[in-house]
Amino acid sequence: MIGLVENGGNGGVGRCQLKIDLCRSKPLIWRRVVVSSKISFARLHKVIQFAMGWKDCHLHQFAAGDIEYGPADAELGLKVLDERRYKLLDIGLTPGSGFFYQYDFGDNWEHNIRIERVLPPNFSFTHSVCLAGENACPPEDCGGIHGYYELLEALASPQHEEHESVKTWIGGSWDAASFDLEKANNLLKRLKV
């Protein structure tokens, strides 16, 4: 466990720095976050939602190697381990290693998550923090990454046959390069360690 001291130990809360990339996005849509090394996958789901800018309207799951973690719901028929019972520590904390997060099985938003650094324990660490990021999270239900780029194309061209309908659907204008770090961190403050 690379010298991490668990919560309640003499050294404070062990932490990990993660880089979250939205797969197939160009320019890359990404976030860098610091989380507790003991964060559950259920809580990590919330961190990703807040940091990326998703609205938590769809199903999700994590995959680390051949093991999948997700919501425990027998009605869904998903064969995944209960994400509330497993922690980031359970998959190992090796810098450079990674795992995947999938959000919205219809639009199939895939995220590559890489462990960048294991940080020293810290007594003052009370909630996850977003350190940086670039580019706007796509709007929900826009048809996945290909649908998102079609939406941007229609917005950019007033001559595009769907320009007005897309503009109305999106609520006016859309800045694909925007990312509000302060907003992400205000949301993350709600998630105590």
C-alpha atoms as a PDB file:
ATOM      1  CA  MET A   1       0.000   0.000   0.000  1.00  0.00           C
ATOM      2  CA  ILE A   2       2.975   2.302  -0.546  1.00  0.00           C
ATOM      3  CA  GLY A   3       3.205   3.607   3.017  1.00  0.00           C
ATOM      4  CA  LEU A   4      -0.311   4.956   3.289  1.00  0.00           C
ATOM      5  CA  VAL A   5      -1.671   5.448   6.769  1.00  0.00           C
ATOM      6  CA  GLU A   6      -5.373   4.743   6.944  1.00  0.00           C
ATOM      7  CA  ASN A   7      -7.913   7.242   8.263  1.00  0.00           C
ATOM      8  CA  GLY A   8      -7.674   7.271  12.025  1.00  0.00           C
ATOM      9  CA  GLY A   9      -3.973   6.361  12.012  1.00  0.00           C
ATOM     10  CA  ASN A  10      -1.241   8.649  13.218  1.00  0.00           C
ATOM     11  CA  GLY A  11      -0.637  10.196   9.816  1.00  0.00           C
ATOM     12  CA  GLY A  12      -4.065  11.390   8.699  1.00  0.00           C
ATOM     13  CA  VAL A  13      -5.896  10.448   5.518  1.00  0.00           C
ATOM     14  CA  GLY A  14      -3.986   8.739   2.686  1.00  0.00           C
ATOM     15  CA  ARG A  15      -4.639  10.381  -0.681  1.00  0.00           C
ATOM     16  CA  CYS A  16      -4.297   9.663  -4.396  1.00  0.00           C
ATOM     17  CA  GLN A  17      -4.072  12.011  -7.341  1.00  0.00           C
ATOM     18  CA  LEU A  18      -6.118  10.755 -10.292  1.00  0.00           C
ATOM     19  CA  LYS A  19      -6.337  11.943 -13.890  1.00  0.00           C
ATOM     20  CA  ILE A  20      -9.723  11.385 -15.529  1.00  0.00           C
ATOM     21  CA  ASP A  21      -9.849  11.543 -19.338  1.00  0.00           C
ATOM     22  CA  LEU A  22     -13.038  11.335 -21.380  1.00  0.00           C
ATOM     23  CA  CYS A  23     -12.102   8.729 -23.992  1.00  0.00           C
ATOM     24  CA  ARG A  24     -12.078   9.753 -27.662  1.00  0.00           C
ATOM     25  CA  SER A  25     -12.461  13.465 -26.861  1.00  0.00           C
ATOM     26  CA  LYS A  26     -10.379  15.847 -28.992  1.00  0.00           C
ATOM     27  CA  PRO A  27      -9.372  18.233 -27.652  1.00  0.00           C
ATOM     28  CA  LEU A  28      -9.143  16.116 -24.541  1.00  0.00           C
ATOM     29  CA  ILE A  29     -11.773  16.663 -21.847  1.00  0.00           C
ATOM     30  CA  TRP A  30     -10.016  15.875 -18.568  1.00  0.00           C
ATOM     31  CA  ARG A  31      -9.924  16.502 -14.813  1.00  0.00           C
ATOM     32  CA  ARG A  32      -7.239  16.000 -12.161  1.00  0.00           C
ATOM     33  CA  VAL A  33      -8.561  15.190  -8.679  1.00  0.00           C
ATOM     34  CA  VAL A  34      -7.200  14.253  -5.277  1.00  0.00           C
ATOM     35  CA  VAL A  35      -9.256  11.704  -3.351  1.00  0.00           C
ATOM     36  CA  SER A  36      -8.892   9.630  -0.207  1.00  0.00           C
ATOM     37  CA  SER A  37      -7.147   6.330  -0.877  1.00  0.00           C
ATOM     38  CA  LYS A  38     -10.022   4.733   1.062  1.00  0.00           C
ATOM     39  CA  ILE A  39     -12.740   6.229  -1.137  1.00  0.00           C
ATOM     40  CA  SER A  40     -15.440   3.737  -2.111  1.00  0.00           C
ATOM     41  CA  PHE A  41     -16.274   3.324  -5.777  1.00  0.00           C
ATOM     42  CA  ALA A  42     -19.761   4.657  -4.961  1.00  0.00           C
ATOM     43  CA  ARG A  43     -18.230   7.868  -3.613  1.00  0.00           C
ATOM     44  CA  LEU A  44     -15.708   8.026  -6.465  1.00  0.00           C
ATOM     45  CA  HIS A  45     -18.673   7.947  -8.859  1.00  0.00           C
ATOM     46  CA  LYS A  46     -19.963  11.130  -7.190  1.00  0.00           C
ATOM     47  CA  VAL A  47     -16.512  12.753  -7.387  1.00  0.00           C
ATOM     48  CA  ILE A  48     -16.349  12.048 -11.122  1.00  0.00           C
ATOM     49  CA  GLN A  49     -19.867  13.376 -11.650  1.00  0.00           C
ATOM     50  CA  PHE A  50     -19.092  16.639  -9.838  1.00  0.00           C
ATOM     51  CA  ALA A  51     -15.606  17.148 -11.283  1.00  0.00           C
ATOM     52  CA  MET A  52     -16.580  16.359 -14.870  1.00  0.00           C
ATOM     53  CA  GLY A  53     -19.917  18.170 -14.802  1.00  0.00           C
ATOM     54  CA  TRP A  54     -22.284  15.250 -15.387  1.00  0.00           C
ATOM     55  CA  LYS A  55     -25.757  15.330 -13.805  1.00  0.00           C
ATOM     56  CA  ASP A  56     -25.939  11.724 -12.487  1.00  0.00           C
ATOM     57  CA  CYS A  57     -28.986  10.818 -14.577  1.00  0.00           C
ATOM     58  CA  HIS A  58     -27.800   7.447 -15.885  1.00  0.00           C
ATOM     59  CA  LEU A  59     -26.307   4.111 -14.882  1.00  0.00           C
ATOM     60  CA  HIS A  60     -22.579   3.684 -14.461  1.00  0.00           C
ATOM     61  CA  GLN A  61     -19.916   1.127 -13.640  1.00  0.00           C
ATOM     62  CA  PHE A  62     -16.183   0.838 -13.041  1.00  0.00           C
ATOM     63  CA  ALA A  63     -13.861  -1.791 -14.530  1.00  0.00           C
ATOM     64  CA  ALA A  64     -10.468  -2.648 -13.095  1.00  0.00           C
ATOM     65  CA  GLY A  65      -8.981  -5.522 -15.032  1.00  0.00           C
ATOM     66  CA  ASP A  66     -11.669  -8.210 -15.268  1.00  0.00           C
ATOM     67  CA  ILE A  67     -13.568  -6.948 -12.215  1.00  0.00           C
ATOM     68  CA  GLU A  68     -16.544  -4.611 -12.512  1.00  0.00           C
ATOM     69  CA  TYR A  69     -17.984  -2.471  -9.724  1.00  0.00           C
ATOM     70  CA  GLY A  70     -21.323  -0.710  -9.814  1.00  0.00           C
ATOM     71  CA  PRO A  71     -24.626  -0.041  -8.077  1.00  0.00           C
ATOM     72  CA  ALA A  72     -26.070  -3.046  -6.269  1.00  0.00           C
ATOM     73  CA  ASP A  73     -29.420  -3.500  -7.954  1.00  0.00           C
ATOM     74  CA  ALA A  74     -30.673  -7.018  -8.664  1.00  0.00           C
ATOM     75  CA  GLU A  75     -33.412  -5.619 -10.921  1.00  0.00           C
ATOM     76  CA  LEU A  76     -30.833  -4.229 -13.320  1.00  0.00           C
ATOM     77  CA  GLY A  77     -29.329  -7.646 -13.852  1.00  0.00           C
ATOM     78  CA  LEU A  78     -25.803  -6.242 -13.772  1.00  0.00           C
ATOM     79  CA  LYS A  79     -23.192  -8.705 -12.580  1.00  0.00           C
ATOM     80  CA  VAL A  80     -20.980  -6.271 -10.762  1.00  0.00           C
ATOM     81  CA  LEU A  81     -19.501  -6.052  -7.288  1.00  0.00           C
ATOM     82  CA  ASP A  82     -21.325  -3.628  -4.992  1.00  0.00           C
ATOM     83  CA  GLU A  83     -19.456  -0.335  -5.377  1.00  0.00           C
ATOM     84  CA  ARG A  84     -20.365   0.697  -1.827  1.00  0.00           C
ATOM     85  CA  ARG A  85     -18.309  -2.169  -0.395  1.00  0.00           C
ATOM     86  CA  TYR A  86     -15.097  -1.748  -2.400  1.00  0.00           C
ATOM     87  CA  LYS A  87     -12.490   0.980  -2.197  1.00  0.00           C
ATOM     88  CA  LEU A  88      -9.799   2.406  -4.404  1.00  0.00           C
ATOM     89  CA  LEU A  89      -7.291   0.651  -2.129  1.00  0.00           C
ATOM     90  CA  ASP A  90      -8.775  -2.679  -3.230  1.00  0.00           C
ATOM     91  CA  ILE A  91      -7.408  -2.343  -6.763  1.00  0.00           C
ATOM     92  CA  GLY A  92      -3.937  -1.224  -5.654  1.00  0.00           C
ATOM     93  CA  LEU A  93      -2.384   2.196  -5.698  1.00  0.00           C
ATOM     94  CA  THR A  94       0.436   1.915  -8.171  1.00  0.00           C
ATOM     95  CA  PRO A  95       1.264   5.202  -9.915  1.00  0.00           C
ATOM     96  CA  GLY A  96       0.697   4.790 -13.640  1.00  0.00           C
ATOM     97  CA  SER A  97      -1.925   2.063 -13.241  1.00  0.00           C
ATOM     98  CA  GLY A  98      -5.463   2.716 -14.319  1.00  0.00           C
ATOM     99  CA  PHE A  99      -9.052   1.625 -14.574  1.00  0.00           C
ATOM    100  CA  PHE A 100     -12.207   2.639 -16.421  1.00  0.00           C
ATOM    101  CA  TYR A 101     -15.481   4.361 -15.595  1.00  0.00           C
ATOM    102  CA  GLN A 102     -18.457   4.112 -17.915  1.00  0.00           C
ATOM    103  CA  TYR A 103     -21.386   6.510 -17.582  1.00  0.00           C
ATOM    104  CA  ASP A 104     -24.704   6.267 -19.449  1.00  0.00           C
ATOM    105  CA  PHE A 105     -24.794   2.885 -21.154  1.00  0.00           C
ATOM    106  CA  GLY A 106     -26.744   4.373 -24.072  1.00  0.00           C
ATOM    107  CA  ASP A 107     -24.409   7.289 -24.872  1.00  0.00           C
ATOM    108  CA  ASN A 108     -21.475   5.230 -23.551  1.00  0.00           C
ATOM    109  CA  TRP A 109     -19.288   7.904 -22.000  1.00  0.00           C
ATOM    110  CA  GLU A 110     -16.053   6.050 -21.241  1.00  0.00           C
ATOM    111  CA  HIS A 111     -13.475   7.566 -18.913  1.00  0.00           C
ATOM    112  CA  ASN A 112      -9.898   6.414 -18.491  1.00  0.00           C
ATOM    113  CA  ILE A 113      -8.724   6.966 -14.897  1.00  0.00           C
ATOM    114  CA  ARG A 114      -5.024   6.846 -14.124  1.00  0.00           C
ATOM    115  CA  ILE A 115      -3.387   6.948 -10.705  1.00  0.00           C
ATOM    116  CA  GLU A 116      -0.813   9.699 -11.112  1.00  0.00           C
ATOM    117  CA  ARG A 117       0.561   9.959  -7.591  1.00  0.00           C
ATOM    118  CA  VAL A 118       0.144   8.548  -4.119  1.00  0.00           C
ATOM    119  CA  LEU A 119       0.346  11.504  -1.763  1.00  0.00           C
ATOM    120  CA  PRO A 120       1.433  11.610   1.877  1.00  0.00           C
ATOM    121  CA  PRO A 121      -1.315  11.348   4.496  1.00  0.00           C
ATOM    122  CA  ASN A 122      -2.772  14.649   5.627  1.00  0.00           C
ATOM    123  CA  PHE A 123      -4.838  15.469   8.733  1.00  0.00           C
ATOM    124  CA  SER A 124      -6.467  18.492   7.089  1.00  0.00           C
ATOM    125  CA  PHE A 125      -7.800  16.563   4.078  1.00  0.00           C
ATOM    126  CA  THR A 126     -11.595  16.698   4.494  1.00  0.00           C
ATOM    127  CA  HIS A 127     -12.968  16.286   0.962  1.00  0.00           C
ATOM    128  CA  SER A 128     -11.932  15.471  -2.586  1.00  0.00           C
ATOM    129  CA  VAL A 129     -10.460  18.335  -4.587  1.00  0.00           C
ATOM    130  CA  CYS A 130     -10.281  19.060  -8.297  1.00  0.00           C
ATOM    131  CA  LEU A 131      -6.849  20.522  -9.105  1.00  0.00           C
ATOM    132  CA  ALA A 132      -7.294  21.223 -12.810  1.00  0.00           C
ATOM    133  CA  GLY A 133      -9.193  20.348 -15.938  1.00  0.00           C
ATOM    134  CA  GLU A 134      -9.855  21.404 -19.490  1.00  0.00           C
ATOM    135  CA  ASN A 135     -12.881  21.671 -21.723  1.00  0.00           C
ATOM    136  CA  ALA A 136     -16.578  21.408 -21.021  1.00  0.00           C
ATOM    137  CA  CYS A 137     -18.311  18.198 -20.131  1.00  0.00           C
ATOM    138  CA  PRO A 138     -20.697  17.289 -22.974  1.00  0.00           C
ATOM    139  CA  PRO A 139     -24.403  17.791 -22.298  1.00  0.00           C
ATOM    140  CA  GLU A 140     -26.358  14.763 -21.134  1.00  0.00           C
ATOM    141  CA  ASP A 141     -28.230  12.752 -23.779  1.00  0.00           C
ATOM    142  CA  CYS A 142     -26.472  14.258 -26.793  1.00  0.00           C
ATOM    143  CA  GLY A 143     -25.680  10.869 -28.360  1.00  0.00           C
ATOM    144  CA  GLY A 144     -22.246  10.022 -27.047  1.00  0.00           C
ATOM    145  CA  ILE A 145     -18.938  11.432 -28.218  1.00  0.00           C
ATOM    146  CA  HIS A 146     -19.902  11.334 -31.921  1.00  0.00           C
ATOM    147  CA  GLY A 147     -23.232  13.016 -31.184  1.00  0.00           C
ATOM    148  CA  TYR A 148     -21.411  15.668 -29.172  1.00  0.00           C
ATOM    149  CA  TYR A 149     -19.135  16.566 -32.073  1.00  0.00           C
ATOM    150  CA  GLU A 150     -22.128  16.649 -34.441  1.00  0.00           C
ATOM    151  CA  LEU A 151     -23.828  19.008 -31.959  1.00  0.00           C
ATOM    152  CA  LEU A 152     -20.749  21.283 -31.914  1.00  0.00           C
ATOM    153  CA  GLU A 153     -20.631  21.263 -35.704  1.00  0.00           C
ATOM    154  CA  ALA A 154     -24.299  22.267 -35.936  1.00  0.00           C
ATOM    155  CA  LEU A 155     -23.823  25.030 -33.338  1.00  0.00           C
ATOM    156  CA  ALA A 156     -20.776  26.433 -35.139  1.00  0.00           C
ATOM    157  CA  SER A 157     -22.519  26.804 -38.501  1.00  0.00           C
ATOM    158  CA  PRO A 158     -25.657  28.965 -38.800  1.00  0.00           C
ATOM    159  CA  GLN A 159     -26.146  27.371 -42.253  1.00  0.00           C
ATOM    160  CA  HIS A 160     -26.326  23.871 -40.754  1.00  0.00           C
ATOM    161  CA  GLU A 161     -29.856  22.410 -41.172  1.00  0.00           C
ATOM    162  CA  GLU A 162     -30.044  21.589 -37.436  1.00  0.00           C
ATOM    163  CA  HIS A 163     -28.425  24.797 -36.161  1.00  0.00           C
ATOM    164  CA  GLU A 164     -31.582  26.381 -34.737  1.00  0.00           C
ATOM    165  CA  SER A 165     -33.003  23.200 -33.201  1.00  0.00           C
ATOM    166  CA  VAL A 166     -29.662  22.314 -31.571  1.00  0.00           C
ATOM    167  CA  LYS A 167     -29.267  25.886 -30.335  1.00  0.00           C
ATOM    168  CA  THR A 168     -32.724  25.715 -28.756  1.00  0.00           C
ATOM    169  CA  TRP A 169     -32.037  22.270 -27.266  1.00  0.00           C
ATOM    170  CA  ILE A 170     -28.753  23.411 -25.741  1.00  0.00           C
ATOM    171  CA  GLY A 171     -30.350  26.559 -24.333  1.00  0.00           C
ATOM    172  CA  GLY A 172     -28.645  29.156 -26.520  1.00  0.00           C
ATOM    173  CA  SER A 173     -24.890  29.013 -26.728  1.00  0.00           C
ATOM    174  CA  TRP A 174     -22.282  26.467 -25.688  1.00  0.00           C
ATOM    175  CA  ASP A 175     -18.615  27.019 -24.899  1.00  0.00           C
ATOM    176  CA  ALA A 176     -16.870  23.699 -25.495  1.00  0.00           C
ATOM    177  CA  ALA A 177     -13.617  25.067 -24.050  1.00  0.00           C
ATOM    178  CA  SER A 178     -15.077  26.147 -20.704  1.00  0.00           C
ATOM    179  CA  PHE A 179     -14.397  24.492 -17.376  1.00  0.00           C
ATOM    180  CA  ASP A 180     -15.355  26.047 -14.044  1.00  0.00           C
ATOM    181  CA  LEU A 181     -12.847  24.766 -11.473  1.00  0.00           C
ATOM    182  CA  GLU A 182     -14.447  26.755  -8.652  1.00  0.00           C
ATOM    183  CA  LYS A 183     -17.889  25.260  -9.353  1.00  0.00           C
ATOM    184  CA  ALA A 184     -16.453  21.730  -9.412  1.00  0.00           C
ATOM    185  CA  ASN A 185     -14.751  22.280  -6.060  1.00  0.00           C
ATOM    186  CA  ASN A 186     -17.850  23.814  -4.484  1.00  0.00           C
ATOM    187  CA  LEU A 187     -19.741  20.647  -5.413  1.00  0.00           C
ATOM    188  CA  LEU A 188     -16.938  18.404  -4.146  1.00  0.00           C
ATOM    189  CA  LYS A 189     -17.023  20.117  -0.729  1.00  0.00           C
ATOM    190  CA  ARG A 190     -20.363  18.354  -0.178  1.00  0.00           C
ATOM    191  CA  LEU A 191     -18.607  14.973  -0.214  1.00  0.00           C
ATOM    192  CA  LYS A 192     -16.768  14.654   3.068  1.00  0.00           C
ATOM    193  CA  VAL A 193     -14.019  12.041   3.440  1.00  0.00           C
END
